[in-house]
Protein backbone atom coordinates (compact mmCIF):
# COMPACT_ATOMS: atom_id res chain seq x y z
CA MET A 1 -0.07 0.02 -0.06
CA VAL A 2 1.34 3.23 -1.06
CA GLN A 3 1.72 5.67 1.89
CA SER A 4 -0.10 9.01 1.72
CA VAL A 5 2.11 12.32 1.50
CA LEU A 6 0.05 13.29 4.59
CA GLY A 7 1.77 11.06 6.75
CA SER A 8 5.21 12.66 5.96
CA LEU A 9 4.14 16.29 6.48
CA ILE A 10 3.22 18.51 9.46
CA LEU A 11 0.47 21.00 8.47
CA GLY A 12 -0.83 24.19 10.13
CA TYR A 13 -2.87 27.15 8.96
CA ARG A 14 -3.66 30.86 9.27
CA PRO A 15 -6.75 32.43 7.88
CA LEU A 16 -6.33 35.51 5.25
CA TRP A 17 -9.11 38.09 6.02
CA ASN A 18 -10.09 40.93 3.53
CA ARG A 19 -11.34 44.43 3.77
CA ALA A 20 -14.91 43.25 4.47
CA ARG A 21 -13.44 41.29 7.47
CA LYS A 22 -14.34 37.95 5.66
CA LEU A 23 -12.36 35.05 4.94
CA ALA A 24 -10.39 35.46 1.68
CA GLY A 25 -8.25 32.35 1.67
CA ILE A 26 -6.00 30.08 3.92
CA GLN A 27 -2.18 30.27 4.40
CA LEU A 28 -1.44 26.69 4.68
CA TYR A 29 1.94 25.75 6.28
CA ALA A 30 3.63 22.53 5.35
CA GLN A 31 7.04 21.22 6.83
CA ASN A 32 8.42 17.76 6.25
CA GLU A 33 10.90 15.94 8.46
CA ALA A 34 14.50 16.59 7.81
CA ALA A 35 15.00 13.11 6.47
CA THR A 36 11.98 12.74 4.51
CA VAL A 37 11.76 13.62 0.88
CA VAL A 38 7.98 14.75 0.02
CA ASP A 39 6.49 14.19 -3.36
CA ALA A 40 5.15 17.66 -3.92
CA ALA A 41 3.03 16.64 -7.01
CA HIS A 42 1.37 13.95 -4.78
CA LEU A 43 0.71 16.84 -2.18
CA LEU A 44 -0.79 18.94 -4.69
CA ARG A 45 -3.00 16.17 -6.14
CA THR A 46 -4.19 15.29 -2.46
CA VAL A 47 -5.20 18.86 -1.75
CA GLN A 48 -6.96 19.21 -5.15
CA GLU A 49 -8.86 16.01 -4.64
CA MET A 50 -10.22 17.51 -1.43
CA TRP A 51 -10.70 21.11 -2.38
CA SER A 52 -13.90 22.02 -4.43
CA SER A 53 -14.87 25.09 -6.30
CA THR A 54 -16.30 26.78 -3.17
CA SER A 55 -13.11 26.11 -1.08
CA PRO A 56 -10.87 28.99 -0.11
CA PRO A 57 -8.07 29.92 -2.22
CA LEU A 58 -4.72 28.40 -0.74
CA LEU A 59 -1.50 30.00 -0.20
CA LEU A 60 1.15 27.19 0.20
CA SER A 61 3.96 27.97 2.75
CA ALA A 62 6.80 25.59 2.51
CA GLN A 63 8.77 25.59 5.96
CA THR A 64 11.88 23.89 4.54
CA ARG A 65 13.90 24.52 1.41
CA GLN A 66 13.51 21.15 -0.01
CA LEU A 67 9.81 21.21 0.08
CA LEU A 68 9.63 24.42 -1.60
CA CYS A 69 12.19 23.27 -4.33
CA SER A 70 9.67 20.42 -4.97
CA LEU A 71 6.69 22.52 -5.15
CA LEU A 72 8.61 24.99 -7.57
CA ASP A 73 9.57 22.07 -9.77
CA ASP A 74 6.35 20.09 -9.77
CA ALA A 75 3.60 22.46 -9.25
CA PRO A 76 1.57 23.01 -12.60
CA ARG A 77 -0.01 26.24 -13.64
CA GLY A 78 -3.32 26.65 -11.89
CA ALA A 79 -1.66 25.19 -8.64
CA PRO A 80 -2.32 27.02 -5.33
CA TRP A 81 -0.08 30.06 -4.71
CA ILE A 82 3.39 29.06 -3.69
CA GLU A 83 5.04 31.40 -1.02
CA VAL A 84 8.74 32.18 -1.48
CA ARG A 85 10.62 33.58 1.44
CA GLY A 86 12.78 36.58 0.35
CA ASP A 87 15.90 35.61 2.12
CA TRP A 88 15.71 32.23 0.53
CA LEU A 89 16.35 33.72 -2.97
CA SER A 90 20.05 34.30 -2.05
CA ASP A 91 20.26 30.49 -2.78
CA SER A 92 20.84 30.52 -6.62
CA ALA A 93 19.27 26.91 -6.93
CA ILE A 94 15.88 28.34 -5.50
CA LEU A 95 16.00 31.55 -7.56
CA ALA A 96 16.78 29.54 -10.86
CA ARG A 97 13.60 27.53 -9.89
CA VAL A 98 11.51 30.66 -9.15
CA LYS A 99 12.36 31.95 -12.75
CA ALA A 100 11.72 28.63 -14.30
CA ALA A 101 8.28 28.28 -12.37
CA HIS A 102 7.37 31.76 -13.42
CA GLN A 103 7.95 30.83 -17.10
CA ARG A 104 5.60 28.04 -16.82
CA GLY A 105 2.85 30.26 -15.44
CA LEU A 106 2.97 29.08 -11.72
CA LYS A 107 1.54 32.10 -9.32
CA MET A 108 3.93 32.79 -6.50
CA VAL A 109 3.99 35.06 -3.45
CA TRP A 110 7.11 36.75 -2.01
CA ARG A 111 7.22 36.77 1.68
CA GLY A 112 9.52 39.02 3.69
CA ASP A 113 10.29 42.54 4.98
CA LEU A 114 8.47 45.79 3.33
CA ALA A 115 12.21 47.27 3.56
CA ARG A 116 13.83 44.49 1.42
CA LEU A 117 11.55 44.23 -1.50
CA PRO A 118 13.16 42.56 -4.42
CA GLY A 119 14.51 44.26 -7.53
CA PRO A 120 12.51 44.57 -10.86
CA GLU A 121 13.80 41.43 -12.43
CA VAL A 122 12.89 39.24 -9.41
CA ALA A 123 9.83 41.06 -8.53
CA ARG A 124 8.06 40.30 -11.91
CA CYS A 125 8.25 36.68 -11.25
CA PHE A 126 5.76 37.19 -8.27
CA ASP A 127 1.93 37.85 -8.43
CA ASN A 128 1.72 39.17 -5.05
CA SER A 129 3.58 39.76 -1.76
CA LEU A 130 2.96 38.80 1.92
CA LEU A 131 4.80 41.67 3.85
CA SER A 132 5.98 42.57 7.16
CA LEU A 133 6.25 46.22 8.58
CA ARG A 134 9.39 47.14 10.67
CA PRO A 135 8.26 49.25 13.75
CA GLU A 136 9.37 52.40 12.18
CA ASP A 137 7.12 51.59 9.04
CA ALA A 138 4.26 50.90 11.17
CA VAL A 139 4.78 54.48 12.86
CA ALA A 140 5.08 56.16 9.51
CA ALA A 141 1.92 54.57 8.08
CA LEU A 142 -0.02 55.59 11.32
CA GLN A 143 1.29 59.07 10.77
CA THR A 144 -0.40 59.31 7.38
CA ALA A 145 -3.77 57.79 8.43
CA PRO A 146 -7.03 59.87 9.24
CA THR A 147 -7.32 59.63 12.90
CA ARG A 148 -10.56 59.59 15.23
CA PRO A 149 -11.91 62.96 16.72
CA GLY A 150 -9.41 64.31 19.46
CA GLY A 151 -6.42 62.42 17.90
CA PRO A 152 -3.36 63.77 16.45
CA ALA A 153 -3.59 65.40 12.83
CA PRO A 154 -1.98 63.10 10.20
CA VAL A 155 1.50 64.45 8.89
CA ALA A 156 1.00 66.66 5.84
CA HIS A 157 1.98 65.39 2.54
CA ALA A 158 3.56 62.21 4.07
CA LYS A 159 2.96 59.13 2.09
CA SER A 160 2.01 55.55 3.56
CA PRO A 161 4.63 52.89 3.08
CA VAL A 162 1.87 50.61 2.91
CA LEU A 163 1.61 49.20 -0.63
CA ALA A 164 -2.11 48.79 -1.94
CA GLY A 165 -2.77 45.45 -3.39
CA GLN A 166 -0.33 43.33 -1.14
CA MET A 167 -0.89 41.04 1.71
CA TYR A 168 0.37 41.86 5.29
CA GLU A 169 1.23 39.72 8.31
CA ASN A 170 1.97 40.42 11.98
CA ILE A 171 -0.32 43.37 12.23
CA THR A 172 -0.95 43.60 16.00
CA SER A 173 -3.04 46.75 16.21
CA ARG A 174 -6.51 47.78 15.21
CA ALA A 175 -5.42 51.13 13.81
CA LEU A 176 -2.64 49.62 11.68
CA MET A 177 -5.13 46.82 10.31
CA GLU A 178 -7.73 49.65 9.52
CA HIS A 179 -5.11 51.56 7.76
CA CYS A 180 -3.82 48.51 5.48
CA LEU A 181 -7.23 47.30 4.52
CA ASP A 182 -9.53 50.40 4.51
CA GLN A 183 -7.11 53.36 3.78
CA GLN A 184 -4.33 51.45 1.56
CA ASN A 185 -6.64 48.55 0.06
CA ALA A 186 -4.52 45.92 1.13
CA LEU A 187 -5.45 42.60 -0.30
CA ALA A 188 -5.67 40.79 2.87
CA LEU A 189 -4.16 40.32 6.57
CA ALA A 190 -2.64 36.84 7.30
CA GLY A 191 -3.99 36.46 10.77
CA TRP A 192 -5.94 39.08 12.78
CA PRO A 193 -5.30 41.37 15.75
CA ALA A 194 -7.76 39.85 17.93
CA GLU A 195 -6.04 40.71 21.13
CA ASP A 196 -6.14 44.54 20.42
CA MET A 197 -9.77 44.19 19.16
CA LEU A 198 -10.81 42.76 22.37
CA TYR A 199 -8.60 45.03 24.47
CA HIS A 200 -10.57 48.04 22.80
CA GLN A 201 -13.95 46.31 23.86
CA ARG A 202 -12.88 46.06 27.52
CA HIS A 203 -14.94 48.74 28.87
CA GLN A 204 -18.16 47.62 26.97
CA ALA A 205 -20.10 44.57 27.99
CA PRO A 206 -19.45 41.91 25.04
CA GLN A 207 -22.37 41.36 22.93
CA PRO A 208 -23.50 38.59 20.27
CA SER A 209 -23.28 39.33 16.69
CA HIS A 210 -26.30 41.38 15.47
CA ALA A 211 -26.14 39.60 12.00
CA VAL A 212 -26.29 36.14 13.53
CA ILE A 213 -29.23 36.83 15.79
CA PHE A 214 -31.10 38.36 12.86
CA LYS A 215 -30.18 35.46 10.50
CA LEU A 216 -31.73 33.20 13.33
CA MET A 217 -34.90 35.00 13.71
CA LYS A 218 -35.26 34.92 10.02
CA ALA A 219 -34.84 30.96 9.96
CA ILE A 220 -37.42 30.85 12.91
CA ASP A 221 -39.86 32.97 10.62
CA ALA A 222 -39.40 30.64 7.86
CA GLU A 223 -40.02 27.48 9.99
CA GLN A 224 -36.70 25.95 9.00
CA SER A 225 -35.41 22.91 10.97
CA LEU A 226 -34.28 22.38 14.40
CA GLU A 227 -30.85 21.40 13.04
CA THR A 228 -30.60 24.83 11.29
CA PHE A 229 -31.48 26.79 14.24
CA GLU A 230 -28.78 25.05 16.17
CA GLU A 231 -26.44 25.34 13.44
CA ILE A 232 -27.05 29.26 13.21
CA MET A 233 -26.80 29.58 17.06
CA GLY A 234 -23.51 27.72 17.01
CA GLU A 235 -22.17 30.47 14.77
CA ASP A 236 -21.60 32.85 17.72
CA PRO A 237 -19.86 31.46 20.91
CA LEU A 238 -21.41 34.23 22.85
CA LEU A 239 -24.68 33.86 21.78
CA ALA A 240 -24.67 30.28 22.33
CA TYR A 241 -23.39 30.72 25.89
CA ARG A 242 -25.88 33.41 26.63
CA PHE A 243 -28.68 31.22 25.57
CA MET A 244 -27.67 28.28 27.67
CA VAL A 245 -27.26 30.78 30.66
CA TYR A 246 -30.90 32.06 30.02
CA THR A 247 -32.39 28.32 29.55
CA ASN A 248 -30.72 27.34 32.85
CA SER A 249 -31.93 30.49 34.91
CA ALA A 250 -34.42 30.55 37.66
CA ALA A 251 -36.72 32.65 35.66
CA LEU A 252 -37.54 29.64 33.47
CA GLY A 253 -37.83 27.39 36.12
CA LEU A 254 -36.91 24.38 34.13
CA ARG A 255 -36.62 21.20 36.26
CA THR A 256 -33.56 19.70 34.45
CA GLY A 257 -30.17 21.29 33.56
CA ILE A 258 -29.90 22.34 29.86
CA ASP A 259 -26.47 21.11 28.95
CA SER A 260 -26.60 21.67 25.08
CA LEU A 261 -28.04 23.97 22.67
CA ARG A 262 -30.21 21.57 21.14
CA ARG A 263 -31.88 20.58 24.44
CA GLY A 264 -32.60 24.49 24.95
CA LEU A 265 -34.11 24.69 21.67
CA VAL A 266 -36.33 21.88 22.24
CA MET A 267 -37.47 22.93 25.87
CA MET A 268 -38.11 26.58 25.13
CA GLY A 269 -40.30 26.52 21.97
CA TYR A 270 -39.81 28.76 19.00
CA GLY A 271 -41.89 31.64 20.18
CA SER A 272 -40.20 32.04 23.54
CA ILE A 273 -36.76 31.74 21.58
CA LYS A 274 -37.79 34.61 18.94
CA ARG A 275 -38.76 36.63 22.06
CA TRP A 276 -35.54 36.24 23.76
CA LEU A 277 -33.64 37.03 20.41
CA SER A 278 -35.58 40.07 20.14
CA ASP A 279 -34.57 41.31 23.59
CA GLN A 280 -30.87 40.63 22.51
CA LEU A 281 -30.91 42.43 19.11
CA PRO A 282 -31.04 46.06 20.17
CA HIS A 283 -27.81 45.62 22.10
CA ALA A 284 -26.13 43.13 19.59
CA SER A 285 -22.63 44.02 18.02
CA THR A 286 -22.52 45.30 14.55
CA ASP A 287 -18.72 45.79 14.89
CA LEU A 288 -17.05 43.96 11.77
CA ASN A 289 -13.76 44.02 13.27
CA LEU A 290 -14.88 41.23 15.60
CA ARG A 291 -16.21 38.77 12.79
CA PRO A 292 -12.60 37.37 12.43
CA VAL A 293 -12.36 36.84 15.88
CA ARG A 294 -15.52 34.98 15.97
CA GLU A 295 -15.16 32.98 12.86
CA SER A 296 -11.57 31.74 14.23
CA MET A 297 -13.39 30.33 17.03
CA LEU A 298 -15.75 28.51 14.93
CA ILE A 299 -12.88 26.99 12.81
CA ARG A 300 -11.36 25.63 16.20
CA ALA A 301 -14.91 24.23 17.21
CA GLN A 302 -15.11 22.60 13.60
CA LEU A 303 -11.73 21.01 13.68
CA MET A 304 -12.26 19.42 17.25
CA THR A 305 -15.23 17.55 15.82
CA HIS A 306 -13.02 16.14 12.90
CA LEU A 307 -10.01 15.40 15.25
CA LEU A 308 -12.01 13.52 17.80
CA ASP A 309 -14.14 10.27 16.54
CA ALA A 310 -17.70 10.80 17.92
CA GLY A 311 -18.72 7.73 15.94
CA VAL A 312 -22.31 7.80 15.23
CA GLU A 313 -23.33 9.70 18.30
CA ASN A 314 -24.84 13.09 17.31
CA ASP A 315 -24.98 14.31 20.74
CA LEU A 316 -21.33 13.56 21.34
CA ARG A 317 -20.35 15.56 18.39
CA ARG A 318 -22.39 18.34 19.49
CA GLU A 319 -20.71 18.33 22.84
CA ILE A 320 -17.40 18.23 21.39
CA TYR A 321 -18.24 21.34 18.93
CA LEU A 322 -19.47 23.08 22.04
CA CYS A 323 -16.07 22.35 23.94
CA GLY A 324 -14.18 23.84 21.25
CA LEU A 325 -16.82 26.94 20.57
CA LEU A 326 -16.44 27.89 24.17
CA SER A 327 -12.72 27.51 24.61
CA GLN A 328 -11.69 31.17 24.18
CA LEU A 329 -14.60 33.00 25.96
CA ASP A 330 -12.38 34.19 28.48
CA ASP A 331 -10.65 36.37 25.86
CA VAL A 332 -14.10 37.82 24.94
CA MET A 333 -15.53 37.97 28.28
CA GLY A 334 -12.53 39.03 30.31
CA GLU A 335 -12.75 36.37 33.18
CA SER A 336 -11.49 33.15 33.78
CA LEU A 337 -12.88 30.31 31.78
CA GLY A 338 -13.39 28.25 34.73
CA THR A 339 -15.92 30.89 36.04
CA ILE A 340 -17.63 31.18 32.86
CA LEU A 341 -18.08 27.35 32.32
CA ARG A 342 -19.37 26.84 35.73
CA ARG A 343 -22.36 29.22 35.09
CA ILE A 344 -24.11 26.44 33.23
CA PRO A 345 -24.59 22.58 33.81
CA LEU A 346 -22.03 21.59 30.90
CA SER A 347 -20.59 17.89 30.88
CA GLU A 348 -17.50 17.76 32.97
CA ARG A 349 -15.76 16.68 29.70
CA ILE A 350 -15.99 20.16 28.47
CA TYR A 351 -14.90 21.81 31.58
CA ASP A 352 -11.96 19.11 32.09
CA ALA A 353 -10.46 19.94 28.76
CA ASN A 354 -10.84 23.74 29.00
CA VAL A 355 -9.91 24.32 32.42
CA LEU A 356 -7.95 21.47 33.89
CA GLY A 357 -6.38 20.10 30.73
CA THR A 358 -7.58 16.51 31.09
CA GLY A 359 -10.18 14.07 29.92
CA PRO A 360 -11.07 12.64 26.64
CA TYR A 361 -11.48 15.84 24.84
CA VAL A 362 -8.09 17.40 25.65
CA SER A 363 -6.31 15.87 22.87
CA GLY A 364 -8.48 17.41 20.20
CA LEU A 365 -8.70 20.89 21.95
CA GLN A 366 -4.89 20.95 22.20
CA MET A 367 -4.31 19.89 18.67
CA ALA A 368 -6.98 22.43 17.38
CA ARG A 369 -4.93 25.07 19.02
CA ALA A 370 -1.65 23.78 17.71
CA LEU A 371 -2.83 23.74 14.16
CA GLU A 372 -3.36 27.43 14.29
CA SER A 373 0.24 28.03 13.81
CA GLU A 374 3.34 26.95 12.00
CA ASP A 375 4.63 25.46 15.34
CA ALA A 376 5.47 21.96 13.82
CA SER A 377 7.31 20.89 16.77
CA THR A 378 4.27 21.36 19.08
CA ILE A 379 1.96 19.47 16.68
CA ARG A 380 4.50 16.45 16.40
CA LYS A 381 4.88 16.25 20.11
CA LEU A 382 1.09 16.18 20.50
CA CYS A 383 0.86 13.42 18.14
CA GLU A 384 3.09 11.41 20.36
CA THR A 385 1.42 12.36 23.68
CA HIS A 386 -1.87 11.53 22.69
CA GLU A 387 -1.15 8.90 20.08
CA MET A 388 -2.80 10.67 17.39
CA ASP A 389 -2.22 9.62 13.75
CA LEU A 390 -0.35 12.52 11.62
CA GLU A 391 -1.97 11.61 8.68
CA GLU A 392 -5.45 11.72 10.09
CA VAL A 393 -4.68 14.82 11.84
CA ASN A 394 -3.64 16.32 8.51
CA ARG A 395 -6.76 15.01 6.71
CA ALA A 396 -9.15 16.28 9.34
CA LEU A 397 -7.48 19.81 8.94
CA LEU A 398 -7.87 19.83 5.09
CA ARG A 399 -11.49 18.57 5.32
CA VAL A 400 -12.51 21.41 7.72
CA LEU A 401 -10.42 24.08 5.59
CA ALA A 402 -12.00 22.89 2.26
CA ASP A 403 -15.39 23.25 3.79
CA LEU A 404 -15.05 26.90 4.93
CA GLU A 405 -17.26 29.73 3.20
CA VAL A 406 -15.12 32.40 1.35
CA GLU A 407 -16.17 35.52 -0.24
CA ARG A 408 -15.40 35.73 -3.82
CA PRO A 409 -15.63 38.56 -6.18
CA ALA A 410 -18.82 39.04 -7.92
CA ALA A 411 -18.50 37.73 -11.69
């Protein structure tokens, strides 16, 4: 039996977010072991088999020179974008491969510091760039940006160093993100300044998404299925949590604890749910900057359900999803996760994984977190610790990423 290429690689991912704060694509990290030569053509075929016309565009980021060379040699026209690190172009063998790949129509992305852009001859080989800003570049960019009332005036006649139409990474502030996407028309950000977004919300009570609440109300009006209601409510971790707190409140007087969204939906009835949603709507958040924060939490939850085998048990699958969905509520709500989770009668398995780092769900939760980065050593260690098969982990990741919804330009 031929071994799958997915057993010879360690994969990770990072979302790419566009100006609308919607998913524009996925950066897929790929690292091979030092002693392993990976068949890049096999990797590309495997990805192609799992991807569909609605899957997100991919930026393949090889973490070793050997894998990059293999991709540059074997990737055909129409393959995903291939990232090439600017400092690796000092290797004449890689530079020659880049030029040859460009000649046959391969789309490539130059990755590096904005201050070290390649010369014209090399630059024309690349379709786009993934750029990092030095601290002085970030300061210069913000000095040219329009400011909020009361802030310092922008520097007159100064030009932002941020280039339009390119992608940027390691943007850690909300102001710089808004400058790149809204004022300089950057194509996308790799990652999102979630910590700074939530810091700016610290003096306000966190609120669920207005769009998700409205979507759920419309689904109830249209008399859609219980599964649809549950799915929509599960699109917002804070809404799901608040709903469970409400269904377990003394005001409702239910005799048994509500430990899942589905049970709460069944016990309350659609009229009561809609009234409760109507009460939430006036205070709901319309801040688009929080959408990537929320959607990143959903990807983690979806990953957990694919990493852990729930068999045919739908209730167990829902519980695993809830475990991942609620795992970052401490960041959103500004209090300890243990305190948050103890307010509702969840399965102890959810509490144990998130707070104690124990129990049957901890392997899926820790792996889902680790896959959110390019840290191959942590992923490798978790596979050993929890006896998880690397090929199955990679296959689960690709399945989840291939199913993500992405905004595409109108035809």
